[in-house]
C-alpha atoms as a PDB file:
ATOM      1  CA  MET A   1      19.064  -8.953   6.816  1.00  0.00           C
ATOM      2  CA  LEU A   2      15.424  -9.583   5.516  1.00  0.00           C
ATOM      3  CA  LEU A   3      14.404  -9.112   2.018  1.00  0.00           C
ATOM      4  CA  CYS A   4      10.653  -7.296   1.487  1.00  0.00           C
ATOM      5  CA  ILE A   5       9.265  -7.532  -1.199  1.00  0.00           C
ATOM      6  CA  ASP A   6       5.642  -5.638  -2.376  1.00  0.00           C
ATOM      7  CA  CYS A   7       4.104  -6.132  -5.717  1.00  0.00           C
ATOM      8  CA  GLY A   8       1.112  -4.480  -6.439  1.00  0.00           C
ATOM      9  CA  ASN A   9      -0.701  -4.079  -9.976  1.00  0.00           C
ATOM     10  CA  THR A  10       1.771  -1.578 -11.649  1.00  0.00           C
ATOM     11  CA  ARG A  11       4.943  -1.755  -9.640  1.00  0.00           C
ATOM     12  CA  LEU A  12       7.046  -3.990  -7.104  1.00  0.00           C
ATOM     13  CA  LYS A  13       8.892  -2.319  -4.315  1.00  0.00           C
ATOM     14  CA  TRP A  14      11.683  -3.682  -2.316  1.00  0.00           C
ATOM     15  CA  GLY A  15      12.910  -3.262   0.842  1.00  0.00           C
ATOM     16  CA  LEU A  16      16.198  -4.602   2.986  1.00  0.00           C
ATOM     17  CA  HIS A  17      15.538  -4.580   6.516  1.00  0.00           C
ATOM     18  CA  ASP A  18      18.172  -5.013   9.671  1.00  0.00           C
ATOM     19  CA  GLY A  19      15.777  -5.830  12.167  1.00  0.00           C
ATOM     20  CA  GLN A  20      16.211  -1.622  13.443  1.00  0.00           C
ATOM     21  CA  GLN A  21      15.795   0.133   9.893  1.00  0.00           C
ATOM     22  CA  TRP A  22      15.574   0.244   6.274  1.00  0.00           C
ATOM     23  CA  ARG A  23      19.271  -0.318   4.842  1.00  0.00           C
ATOM     24  CA  ALA A  24      17.730   0.088   1.168  1.00  0.00           C
ATOM     25  CA  GLN A  25      14.647   0.706  -0.792  1.00  0.00           C
ATOM     26  CA  GLY A  26      13.509   0.100  -4.629  1.00  0.00           C
ATOM     27  CA  VAL A  27      10.985   0.001  -6.731  1.00  0.00           C
ATOM     28  CA  LEU A  28      10.704  -2.125 -10.658  1.00  0.00           C
ATOM     29  CA  LEU A  29       8.460  -2.577 -12.890  1.00  0.00           C
ATOM     30  CA  PRO A  30       6.886  -6.148 -13.703  1.00  0.00           C
ATOM     31  CA  ASP A  31       9.209  -6.412 -16.083  1.00  0.00           C
ATOM     32  CA  GLU A  32      12.113  -5.364 -14.667  1.00  0.00           C
ATOM     33  CA  ILE A  33      11.833  -8.231 -11.455  1.00  0.00           C
ATOM     34  CA  VAL A  34      14.782 -10.366 -13.262  1.00  0.00           C
ATOM     35  CA  GLN A  35      16.718  -7.082 -12.560  1.00  0.00           C
ATOM     36  CA  LEU A  36      16.229  -7.950  -8.413  1.00  0.00           C
ATOM     37  CA  PRO A  37      19.334 -10.054  -7.856  1.00  0.00           C
ATOM     38  CA  GLN A  38      21.771  -7.868  -9.397  1.00  0.00           C
ATOM     39  CA  LEU A  39      20.218  -4.845  -7.616  1.00  0.00           C
ATOM     40  CA  LEU A  40      21.221  -6.385  -4.635  1.00  0.00           C
ATOM     41  CA  VAL A  41      24.915  -7.588  -5.439  1.00  0.00           C
ATOM     42  CA  SER A  42      25.984  -4.250  -3.863  1.00  0.00           C
ATOM     43  CA  GLN A  43      23.766  -4.701  -0.694  1.00  0.00           C
ATOM     44  CA  PRO A  44      24.050  -6.822   2.176  1.00  0.00           C
ATOM     45  CA  SER A  45      23.079 -10.324   1.121  1.00  0.00           C
ATOM     46  CA  PRO A  46      19.662 -10.817   2.864  1.00  0.00           C
ATOM     47  CA  THR A  47      19.195 -14.507   4.879  1.00  0.00           C
ATOM     48  CA  GLY A  48      15.200 -14.526   3.772  1.00  0.00           C
ATOM     49  CA  VAL A  49      12.394 -13.138   2.344  1.00  0.00           C
ATOM     50  CA  ILE A  50       9.220 -12.576   2.999  1.00  0.00           C
ATOM     51  CA  ALA A  51       6.746 -11.000  -0.021  1.00  0.00           C
ATOM     52  CA  CYS A  52       3.249  -9.801  -1.008  1.00  0.00           C
ATOM     53  CA  ASN A  53       2.096 -10.238  -3.954  1.00  0.00           C
ATOM     54  CA  VAL A  54      -1.459  -9.101  -5.722  1.00  0.00           C
ATOM     55  CA  SER A  55      -0.589  -9.063  -9.069  1.00  0.00           C
ATOM     56  CA  SER A  56      -1.237 -12.288 -11.446  1.00  0.00           C
ATOM     57  CA  ILE A  57      -0.061 -15.789 -10.565  1.00  0.00           C
ATOM     58  CA  ALA A  58       2.794 -15.151 -13.508  1.00  0.00           C
ATOM     59  CA  ILE A  59       4.374 -12.218 -11.917  1.00  0.00           C
ATOM     60  CA  GLY A  60       4.596 -14.236  -8.483  1.00  0.00           C
ATOM     61  CA  ALA A  61       6.392 -17.066 -10.456  1.00  0.00           C
ATOM     62  CA  ALA A  62       8.526 -14.197 -11.376  1.00  0.00           C
ATOM     63  CA  ILE A  63       9.458 -13.114  -8.337  1.00  0.00           C
ATOM     64  CA  GLU A  64      10.317 -17.043  -6.666  1.00  0.00           C
ATOM     65  CA  ALA A  65      12.562 -17.240  -9.822  1.00  0.00           C
ATOM     66  CA  ALA A  66      14.516 -13.954  -8.935  1.00  0.00           C
ATOM     67  CA  VAL A  67      14.539 -15.204  -5.291  1.00  0.00           C
ATOM     68  CA  ALA A  68      15.522 -18.478  -6.020  1.00  0.00           C
ATOM     69  CA  THR A  69      18.794 -16.904  -7.667  1.00  0.00           C
ATOM     70  CA  LEU A  70      19.693 -15.538  -4.216  1.00  0.00           C
ATOM     71  CA  GLY A  71      19.174 -19.140  -2.478  1.00  0.00           C
ATOM     72  CA  VAL A  72      17.411 -17.944   0.782  1.00  0.00           C
ATOM     73  CA  GLN A  73      13.989 -19.086   2.079  1.00  0.00           C
ATOM     74  CA  LEU A  74      11.124 -16.939   0.647  1.00  0.00           C
ATOM     75  CA  VAL A  75       7.822 -16.554   2.539  1.00  0.00           C
ATOM     76  CA  TRP A  76       4.237 -15.347   1.226  1.00  0.00           C
ATOM     77  CA  ALA A  77       2.798 -13.237   3.543  1.00  0.00           C
ATOM     78  CA  SER A  78      -1.234 -13.698   3.498  1.00  0.00           C
ATOM     79  CA  SER A  79      -4.097 -12.337   5.755  1.00  0.00           C
ATOM     80  CA  CYS A  80      -4.996 -13.703   8.808  1.00  0.00           C
ATOM     81  CA  THR A  81      -7.346 -13.471  12.118  1.00  0.00           C
ATOM     82  CA  GLU A  82      -5.130 -11.618  14.148  1.00  0.00           C
ATOM     83  CA  GLN A  83      -1.186 -10.687  13.811  1.00  0.00           C
ATOM     84  CA  CYS A  84       1.372  -7.866  15.374  1.00  0.00           C
ATOM     85  CA  GLY A  85      -1.287  -6.334  17.597  1.00  0.00           C
ATOM     86  CA  VAL A  86      -3.818  -6.169  14.672  1.00  0.00           C
ATOM     87  CA  LYS A  87      -7.483  -7.758  15.144  1.00  0.00           C
ATOM     88  CA  ASN A  88      -9.118  -8.474  11.910  1.00  0.00           C
ATOM     89  CA  ALA A  89     -12.695  -7.875  12.049  1.00  0.00           C
ATOM     90  CA  TYR A  90     -13.683  -8.698   8.144  1.00  0.00           C
ATOM     91  CA  ASP A  91     -16.517 -11.432   7.420  1.00  0.00           C
ATOM     92  CA  GLN A  92     -13.978 -13.862   6.396  1.00  0.00           C
ATOM     93  CA  PRO A  93     -10.424 -12.742   7.466  1.00  0.00           C
ATOM     94  CA  ALA A  94      -8.143 -14.514   4.789  1.00  0.00           C
ATOM     95  CA  GLN A  95     -10.231 -12.793   2.349  1.00  0.00           C
ATOM     96  CA  LEU A  96      -9.195  -9.464   2.964  1.00  0.00           C
ATOM     97  CA  GLY A  97      -6.191  -8.647   0.537  1.00  0.00           C
ATOM     98  CA  ALA A  98      -2.876  -9.348   1.727  1.00  0.00           C
ATOM     99  CA  ASP A  99      -1.697  -5.546   1.252  1.00  0.00           C
ATOM    100  CA  ARG A 100      -4.025  -4.481   3.023  1.00  0.00           C
ATOM    101  CA  TRP A 101      -3.380  -6.412   6.157  1.00  0.00           C
ATOM    102  CA  LEU A 102       0.172  -5.745   6.008  1.00  0.00           C
ATOM    103  CA  ALA A 103      -0.508  -2.137   5.221  1.00  0.00           C
ATOM    104  CA  LEU A 104      -2.800  -2.207   8.424  1.00  0.00           C
ATOM    105  CA  ILE A 105       0.097  -3.937  10.604  1.00  0.00           C
ATOM    106  CA  GLY A 106       2.563  -1.244   9.240  1.00  0.00           C
ATOM    107  CA  ALA A 107       0.281   1.503  10.444  1.00  0.00           C
ATOM    108  CA  ARG A 108       0.027  -0.217  13.780  1.00  0.00           C
ATOM    109  CA  HIS A 109       3.425  -0.425  14.169  1.00  0.00           C
ATOM    110  CA  LEU A 110       4.088   3.453  13.298  1.00  0.00           C
ATOM    111  CA  HIS A 111       0.759   4.777  15.432  1.00  0.00           C
ATOM    112  CA  GLN A 112      -0.700   3.297  18.811  1.00  0.00           C
ATOM    113  CA  GLY A 113      -4.068   5.345  18.425  1.00  0.00           C
ATOM    114  CA  SER A 114      -6.656   5.064  15.903  1.00  0.00           C
ATOM    115  CA  CYS A 115      -6.193   5.481  12.442  1.00  0.00           C
ATOM    116  CA  LEU A 116      -7.386   5.694   8.921  1.00  0.00           C
ATOM    117  CA  VAL A 117      -4.897   3.323   6.297  1.00  0.00           C
ATOM    118  CA  VAL A 118      -5.328   5.043   2.842  1.00  0.00           C
ATOM    119  CA  ASN A 119      -3.075   3.300   0.028  1.00  0.00           C
ATOM    120  CA  ALA A 120      -3.537   4.967  -3.013  1.00  0.00           C
ATOM    121  CA  GLY A 121      -2.141   2.851  -5.859  1.00  0.00           C
ATOM    122  CA  THR A 122      -3.943   1.315  -9.183  1.00  0.00           C
ATOM    123  CA  ALA A 123      -6.619   0.728  -6.789  1.00  0.00           C
ATOM    124  CA  THR A 124      -7.412   3.077  -3.447  1.00  0.00           C
ATOM    125  CA  THR A 125      -7.982   1.135  -0.025  1.00  0.00           C
ATOM    126  CA  VAL A 126      -9.411   2.927   3.087  1.00  0.00           C
ATOM    127  CA  ASP A 127      -9.409   1.344   6.006  1.00  0.00           C
ATOM    128  CA  VAL A 128     -10.315   2.218   9.946  1.00  0.00           C
ATOM    129  CA  LEU A 129      -8.283   0.897  12.477  1.00  0.00           C
ATOM    130  CA  ASP A 130      -9.422   1.612  15.870  1.00  0.00           C
ATOM    131  CA  ALA A 131      -7.421   2.578  19.229  1.00  0.00           C
ATOM    132  CA  GLN A 132      -7.459  -1.058  20.010  1.00  0.00           C
ATOM    133  CA  GLY A 133      -5.867  -2.278  17.099  1.00  0.00           C
ATOM    134  CA  VAL A 134      -9.048  -3.841  15.419  1.00  0.00           C
ATOM    135  CA  PHE A 135      -9.610  -3.368  11.591  1.00  0.00           C
ATOM    136  CA  GLN A 136     -13.320  -2.571  11.475  1.00  0.00           C
ATOM    137  CA  GLY A 137     -13.803  -2.425   7.910  1.00  0.00           C
ATOM    138  CA  GLY A 138     -12.539  -0.392   4.785  1.00  0.00           C
ATOM    139  CA  LEU A 139     -13.315   1.008   0.975  1.00  0.00           C
ATOM    140  CA  ILE A 140     -11.681   0.059  -2.289  1.00  0.00           C
ATOM    141  CA  LEU A 141     -12.276   2.158  -4.909  1.00  0.00           C
ATOM    142  CA  PRO A 142     -10.828   3.043  -8.475  1.00  0.00           C
ATOM    143  CA  GLY A 143      -7.307   4.916  -7.807  1.00  0.00           C
ATOM    144  CA  ILE A 144      -6.705   8.499  -9.480  1.00  0.00           C
ATOM    145  CA  SER A 145      -5.354   7.106 -12.924  1.00  0.00           C
ATOM    146  CA  LEU A 146      -7.479   4.360 -13.345  1.00  0.00           C
ATOM    147  CA  MET A 147     -10.915   6.579 -13.286  1.00  0.00           C
ATOM    148  CA  HIS A 148      -8.962   9.202 -15.615  1.00  0.00           C
ATOM    149  CA  ALA A 149      -8.782   5.743 -18.041  1.00  0.00           C
ATOM    150  CA  SER A 150     -12.060   3.941 -17.330  1.00  0.00           C
ATOM    151  CA  LEU A 151     -13.615   7.689 -18.370  1.00  0.00           C
ATOM    152  CA  ALA A 152     -11.334   7.945 -21.432  1.00  0.00           C
ATOM    153  CA  ARG A 153     -11.784   3.882 -22.151  1.00  0.00           C
ATOM    154  CA  GLU A 154     -15.982   3.837 -21.810  1.00  0.00           C
ATOM    155  CA  THR A 155     -16.772   7.240 -23.158  1.00  0.00           C
ATOM    156  CA  ALA A 156     -17.153   9.116 -27.055  1.00  0.00           C
ATOM    157  CA  ARG A 157     -16.107  12.142 -26.487  1.00  0.00           C
ATOM    158  CA  LEU A 158     -13.697  12.455 -23.182  1.00  0.00           C
ATOM    159  CA  PRO A 159      -9.976  12.242 -23.032  1.00  0.00           C
ATOM    160  CA  LEU A 160      -7.395  10.596 -21.156  1.00  0.00           C
ATOM    161  CA  ALA A 161      -7.004  13.866 -18.940  1.00  0.00           C
ATOM    162  CA  THR A 162      -3.691  15.582 -18.060  1.00  0.00           C
ATOM    163  CA  GLY A 163      -5.326  18.624 -16.298  1.00  0.00           C
ATOM    164  CA  HIS A 164      -4.885  20.468 -13.300  1.00  0.00           C
ATOM    165  CA  PHE A 165      -7.039  20.537  -9.958  1.00  0.00           C
ATOM    166  CA  SER A 166      -9.195  23.244  -9.148  1.00  0.00           C
ATOM    167  CA  ARG A 167     -12.452  23.823  -6.953  1.00  0.00           C
ATOM    168  CA  LEU A 168     -14.157  24.975  -9.725  1.00  0.00           C
ATOM    169  CA  PRO A 169     -12.972  23.409 -13.168  1.00  0.00           C
ATOM    170  CA  ARG A 170     -13.679  25.491 -16.467  1.00  0.00           C
ATOM    171  CA  ASN A 171     -12.331  22.835 -18.944  1.00  0.00           C
ATOM    172  CA  THR A 172     -13.099  19.433 -20.024  1.00  0.00           C
ATOM    173  CA  VAL A 173      -9.030  17.978 -18.620  1.00  0.00           C
ATOM    174  CA  ASP A 174      -9.526  19.886 -15.078  1.00  0.00           C
ATOM    175  CA  ALA A 175     -12.965  18.420 -14.899  1.00  0.00           C
ATOM    176  CA  ILE A 176     -12.049  14.943 -15.126  1.00  0.00           C
ATOM    177  CA  VAL A 177      -8.755  15.563 -13.047  1.00  0.00           C
ATOM    178  CA  SER A 178     -10.712  17.716 -10.321  1.00  0.00           C
ATOM    179  CA  GLY A 179     -13.375  15.174 -10.251  1.00  0.00           C
ATOM    180  CA  SER A 180     -11.355  11.952  -9.369  1.00  0.00           C
ATOM    181  CA  LEU A 181      -9.588  13.794  -6.692  1.00  0.00           C
ATOM    182  CA  LEU A 182     -12.648  14.983  -4.958  1.00  0.00           C
ATOM    183  CA  ALA A 183     -14.235  11.780  -5.087  1.00  0.00           C
ATOM    184  CA  THR A 184     -11.401  10.025  -3.585  1.00  0.00           C
ATOM    185  CA  THR A 185     -10.659  12.856  -0.788  1.00  0.00           C
ATOM    186  CA  GLY A 186     -14.613  12.678   0.009  1.00  0.00           C
ATOM    187  CA  ALA A 187     -14.692   9.173   0.490  1.00  0.00           C
ATOM    188  CA  VAL A 188     -11.373   9.463   2.734  1.00  0.00           C
ATOM    189  CA  SER A 189     -12.847  12.465   4.526  1.00  0.00           C
ATOM    190  CA  LEU A 190     -16.098  10.670   5.188  1.00  0.00           C
ATOM    191  CA  MET A 191     -14.133   7.559   6.360  1.00  0.00           C
ATOM    192  CA  TYR A 192     -12.433   9.732   8.824  1.00  0.00           C
ATOM    193  CA  GLU A 193     -15.498  10.644  10.815  1.00  0.00           C
ATOM    194  CA  HIS A 194     -15.069   7.066  12.308  1.00  0.00           C
ATOM    195  CA  VAL A 195     -11.899   7.674  14.001  1.00  0.00           C
ATOM    196  CA  ALA A 196     -11.911  11.757  14.400  1.00  0.00           C
ATOM    197  CA  ALA A 197     -13.412  11.141  18.210  1.00  0.00           C
ATOM    198  CA  ASP A 198      -9.693   9.770  18.763  1.00  0.00           C
ATOM    199  CA  SER A 199      -7.735  13.054  19.979  1.00  0.00           C
ATOM    200  CA  ALA A 200      -4.807  10.839  19.284  1.00  0.00           C
ATOM    201  CA  ALA A 201      -6.207   9.649  15.455  1.00  0.00           C
ATOM    202  CA  ILE A 202      -4.501  10.501  12.305  1.00  0.00           C
ATOM    203  CA  CYS A 203      -4.806   9.472   8.473  1.00  0.00           C
ATOM    204  CA  LEU A 204      -1.510   7.292   7.177  1.00  0.00           C
ATOM    205  CA  LEU A 205      -1.216   7.983   3.499  1.00  0.00           C
ATOM    206  CA  SER A 206       0.723   5.790   1.171  1.00  0.00           C
ATOM    207  CA  GLY A 207       0.917   4.579  -2.375  1.00  0.00           C
ATOM    208  CA  GLY A 208       1.453   6.527  -5.664  1.00  0.00           C
ATOM    209  CA  ALA A 209      -1.528   8.976  -5.516  1.00  0.00           C
ATOM    210  CA  ALA A 210      -0.245  10.331  -2.218  1.00  0.00           C
ATOM    211  CA  GLY A 211       1.681  13.599  -2.958  1.00  0.00           C
ATOM    212  CA  VAL A 212      -1.591  14.703  -5.086  1.00  0.00           C
ATOM    213  CA  LEU A 213      -3.968  13.769  -2.598  1.00  0.00           C
ATOM    214  CA  ALA A 214      -2.117  15.000   0.580  1.00  0.00           C
ATOM    215  CA  PRO A 215      -2.700  18.741   0.172  1.00  0.00           C
ATOM    216  CA  LEU A 216      -6.480  18.265  -0.424  1.00  0.00           C
ATOM    217  CA  LEU A 217      -7.107  16.681   3.090  1.00  0.00           C
ATOM    218  CA  SER A 218      -7.719  18.804   6.030  1.00  0.00           C
ATOM    219  CA  MET A 219      -7.157  15.793   8.774  1.00  0.00           C
ATOM    220  CA  PRO A 220      -3.777  15.046  10.805  1.00  0.00           C
ATOM    221  CA  LEU A 221      -1.910  13.258   8.327  1.00  0.00           C
ATOM    222  CA  ARG A 222       1.394  11.390   7.694  1.00  0.00           C
ATOM    223  CA  HIS A 223       2.901  10.518   4.408  1.00  0.00           C
ATOM    224  CA  VAL A 224       4.461   6.998   4.814  1.00  0.00           C
ATOM    225  CA  ASP A 225       6.490   5.801   1.485  1.00  0.00           C
ATOM    226  CA  ASN A 226       5.286   2.192   1.580  1.00  0.00           C
ATOM    227  CA  LEU A 227       3.277   0.841   4.162  1.00  0.00           C
ATOM    228  CA  VAL A 228       2.995  -2.614   2.913  1.00  0.00           C
ATOM    229  CA  LEU A 229       6.852  -2.966   3.316  1.00  0.00           C
ATOM    230  CA  GLU A 230       6.860  -1.691   6.963  1.00  0.00           C
ATOM    231  CA  GLY A 231       3.779  -4.336   7.721  1.00  0.00           C
ATOM    232  CA  LEU A 232       5.765  -6.954   5.789  1.00  0.00           C
ATOM    233  CA  ALA A 233       9.201  -6.215   8.272  1.00  0.00           C
ATOM    234  CA  CYS A 234       7.113  -5.890  10.915  1.00  0.00           C
ATOM    235  CA  ASP A 235       5.305  -9.311  10.219  1.00  0.00           C
ATOM    236  CA  ALA A 236       8.451 -11.240   9.530  1.00  0.00           C
ATOM    237  CA  TRP A 237      10.841  -9.880  12.835  1.00  0.00           C
ATOM    238  CA  GLN A 238       7.508  -9.848  15.263  1.00  0.00           C
ATOM    239  CA  THR A 239       6.526 -13.647  14.448  1.00  0.00           C
ATOM    240  CA  GLY A 240      10.340 -15.213  14.395  1.00  0.00           C
ATOM    241  CA  ALA A 241       9.448 -15.792  10.270  1.00  0.00           C
ATOM    242  CA  ALA A 242      12.950 -13.193   9.857  1.00  0.00           C
ATOM    243  CA  PRO A 243      16.025 -15.424   9.731  1.00  0.00           C
ATOM    244  CA  GLU A 244      18.965 -14.623  12.102  1.00  0.00           C
END
């Protein structure tokens, strides 16, 4: 049984994978990481752990401490040149964020054609994966909530918006919410043009803001709960890093 851990900037996602399917999944806030061993008591015992952390060094240490109480080996996932059918065309492959790399691996596992891989969290990443499994490049932009927070923080009279989406907003909070959503979906739509010629192309959408973005996107779309966890499981089982 493999324990997969995806720690982003605001949340830790975990899942237990048996080589065929997910047996359990959950979410923790950073200050709740210490609770992870207790959450697993009622689950099948993991015999190995693979993790990705794009948060702080301190959070990484907290994950290591929690895993140490389980008495199993922890492997930190990282980007490389080629893995699990995905080739990395980044200028310096090792500098691609591990979360983006694992999301690409997860996407390739779920869809063999061209795809746009979108992870909408604290930051939004929009990555192009061609039909041959080559990562061609992608974007990083502020996530929806981060856009709202930056306007509230850096301007004198704009509030932290809690409005609603409108094609033609007529109040300030709706204008902020709608602007951030259209900025993001506009970027996604433009990047989708790189794969649109492939009749099998699809956008794989993941992350906390996926639910608000999905209704505004017109391309073929599949919502995946956590592409990074999918990539972690694929990485571990296909490369032999997962314990028997």
